[in-house]
Amino acid sequence: MSELKLQVAQINEDTVLIVIRGDFTRFSSMEKARRVKDELREFQSRINKPILFIDDSFCFESMNDEQLKQIGLQRIKD
């Protein structure tokens, strides 16, 4: 039985990445989390587009070399 109501028609042709934001603490058990993971993997294979499932509490930043330098870091170049 499907936990999620995912349909291919919901995805635009020009989509390159699907981001699903959620609350990891809402899974009642590890088994339920695994079922959702398996369902997302199956859906990903049907639509042939990557899916990223992240917790709402995560914050991602994109930094350039100057911003890294300002906080005392530097990129290791190849």
C-alpha atoms as a PDB file:
ATOM      1  CA  MET A   1       0.000   0.000   0.000  1.00  0.00           C
ATOM      2  CA  SER A   2       1.347   3.383  -0.999  1.00  0.00           C
ATOM      3  CA  GLU A   3       2.245   5.776   1.815  1.00  0.00           C
ATOM      4  CA  LEU A   4       2.736   8.629  -0.633  1.00  0.00           C
ATOM      5  CA  LYS A   5       0.470   9.856  -3.376  1.00  0.00           C
ATOM      6  CA  LEU A   6       3.093  10.368  -6.087  1.00  0.00           C
ATOM      7  CA  GLN A   7       2.129  10.630  -9.725  1.00  0.00           C
ATOM      8  CA  VAL A   8       4.334  11.103 -12.763  1.00  0.00           C
ATOM      9  CA  ALA A   9       1.878  13.730 -14.054  1.00  0.00           C
ATOM     10  CA  GLN A  10       2.899  15.958 -11.131  1.00  0.00           C
ATOM     11  CA  ILE A  11       6.449  16.302 -12.527  1.00  0.00           C
ATOM     12  CA  ASN A  12       7.214  18.815 -15.284  1.00  0.00           C
ATOM     13  CA  GLU A  13       9.348  17.664 -18.215  1.00  0.00           C
ATOM     14  CA  ASP A  14      11.995  20.315 -17.554  1.00  0.00           C
ATOM     15  CA  THR A  15      12.437  19.327 -13.882  1.00  0.00           C
ATOM     16  CA  VAL A  16      16.060  18.436 -13.093  1.00  0.00           C
ATOM     17  CA  LEU A  17      15.814  17.746  -9.348  1.00  0.00           C
ATOM     18  CA  ILE A  18      12.928  17.038  -7.009  1.00  0.00           C
ATOM     19  CA  VAL A  19      13.372  18.339  -3.467  1.00  0.00           C
ATOM     20  CA  ILE A  20      11.060  16.953  -0.811  1.00  0.00           C
ATOM     21  CA  ARG A  21      11.155  18.780   2.496  1.00  0.00           C
ATOM     22  CA  GLY A  22       9.866  16.984   5.545  1.00  0.00           C
ATOM     23  CA  ASP A  23      10.215  16.388   9.241  1.00  0.00           C
ATOM     24  CA  PHE A  24      12.306  13.293   9.976  1.00  0.00           C
ATOM     25  CA  THR A  25      10.891  13.106  13.503  1.00  0.00           C
ATOM     26  CA  ARG A  26       7.387  12.436  12.163  1.00  0.00           C
ATOM     27  CA  PHE A  27       8.272   8.877  11.181  1.00  0.00           C
ATOM     28  CA  SER A  28       6.723   6.656  13.822  1.00  0.00           C
ATOM     29  CA  SER A  29       9.335   3.937  13.291  1.00  0.00           C
ATOM     30  CA  MET A  30      12.421   3.034  11.301  1.00  0.00           C
ATOM     31  CA  GLU A  31      10.264   0.616   9.312  1.00  0.00           C
ATOM     32  CA  LYS A  32       7.967   3.445   8.189  1.00  0.00           C
ATOM     33  CA  ALA A  33      11.006   5.544   7.224  1.00  0.00           C
ATOM     34  CA  ARG A  34      12.351   2.601   5.175  1.00  0.00           C
ATOM     35  CA  ARG A  35       9.010   2.173   3.404  1.00  0.00           C
ATOM     36  CA  VAL A  36       8.994   5.850   2.428  1.00  0.00           C
ATOM     37  CA  LYS A  37      12.615   5.592   1.266  1.00  0.00           C
ATOM     38  CA  ASP A  38      11.799   2.536  -0.844  1.00  0.00           C
ATOM     39  CA  GLU A  39       8.766   4.248  -2.333  1.00  0.00           C
ATOM     40  CA  LEU A  40      10.812   7.341  -3.224  1.00  0.00           C
ATOM     41  CA  ARG A  41      13.496   5.163  -4.842  1.00  0.00           C
ATOM     42  CA  GLU A  42      10.883   3.341  -6.906  1.00  0.00           C
ATOM     43  CA  PHE A  43       9.311   6.649  -7.959  1.00  0.00           C
ATOM     44  CA  GLN A  44      12.743   8.063  -8.804  1.00  0.00           C
ATOM     45  CA  SER A  45      13.436   5.132 -11.109  1.00  0.00           C
ATOM     46  CA  ARG A  46      10.063   5.603 -12.849  1.00  0.00           C
ATOM     47  CA  ILE A  47      10.577   9.314 -13.511  1.00  0.00           C
ATOM     48  CA  ASN A  48      14.341   9.090 -14.124  1.00  0.00           C
ATOM     49  CA  LYS A  49      15.043  12.243 -12.092  1.00  0.00           C
ATOM     50  CA  PRO A  50      16.970  12.586  -8.828  1.00  0.00           C
ATOM     51  CA  ILE A  51      15.044  13.074  -5.593  1.00  0.00           C
ATOM     52  CA  LEU A  52      16.473  14.795  -2.520  1.00  0.00           C
ATOM     53  CA  PHE A  53      14.587  14.305   0.750  1.00  0.00           C
ATOM     54  CA  ILE A  54      15.746  16.766   3.400  1.00  0.00           C
ATOM     55  CA  ASP A  55      14.545  17.685   6.848  1.00  0.00           C
ATOM     56  CA  ASP A  56      13.005  21.159   7.152  1.00  0.00           C
ATOM     57  CA  SER A  57      15.505  21.973   9.882  1.00  0.00           C
ATOM     58  CA  PHE A  58      18.471  21.648   7.482  1.00  0.00           C
ATOM     59  CA  CYS A  59      19.929  24.825   6.053  1.00  0.00           C
ATOM     60  CA  PHE A  60      22.120  24.759   2.967  1.00  0.00           C
ATOM     61  CA  GLU A  61      24.401  27.578   1.900  1.00  0.00           C
ATOM     62  CA  SER A  62      26.330  28.031  -1.288  1.00  0.00           C
ATOM     63  CA  MET A  63      29.606  29.863  -0.743  1.00  0.00           C
ATOM     64  CA  ASN A  64      32.184  31.197  -3.158  1.00  0.00           C
ATOM     65  CA  ASP A  65      35.934  31.422  -2.508  1.00  0.00           C
ATOM     66  CA  GLU A  66      35.696  34.945  -1.074  1.00  0.00           C
ATOM     67  CA  GLN A  67      32.962  33.946   1.382  1.00  0.00           C
ATOM     68  CA  LEU A  68      35.017  30.942   2.486  1.00  0.00           C
ATOM     69  CA  LYS A  69      38.010  33.210   3.055  1.00  0.00           C
ATOM     70  CA  GLN A  70      35.904  35.545   5.221  1.00  0.00           C
ATOM     71  CA  ILE A  71      35.222  32.719   7.677  1.00  0.00           C
ATOM     72  CA  GLY A  72      38.797  31.437   7.635  1.00  0.00           C
ATOM     73  CA  LEU A  73      38.407  28.581   5.159  1.00  0.00           C
ATOM     74  CA  GLN A  74      39.667  27.899   1.673  1.00  0.00           C
ATOM     75  CA  ARG A  75      38.787  25.524  -1.097  1.00  0.00           C
ATOM     76  CA  ILE A  76      41.292  22.768  -1.881  1.00  0.00           C
ATOM     77  CA  LYS A  77      41.840  22.988  -5.598  1.00  0.00           C
ATOM     78  CA  ASP A  78      42.691  19.981  -7.762  1.00  0.00           C
END
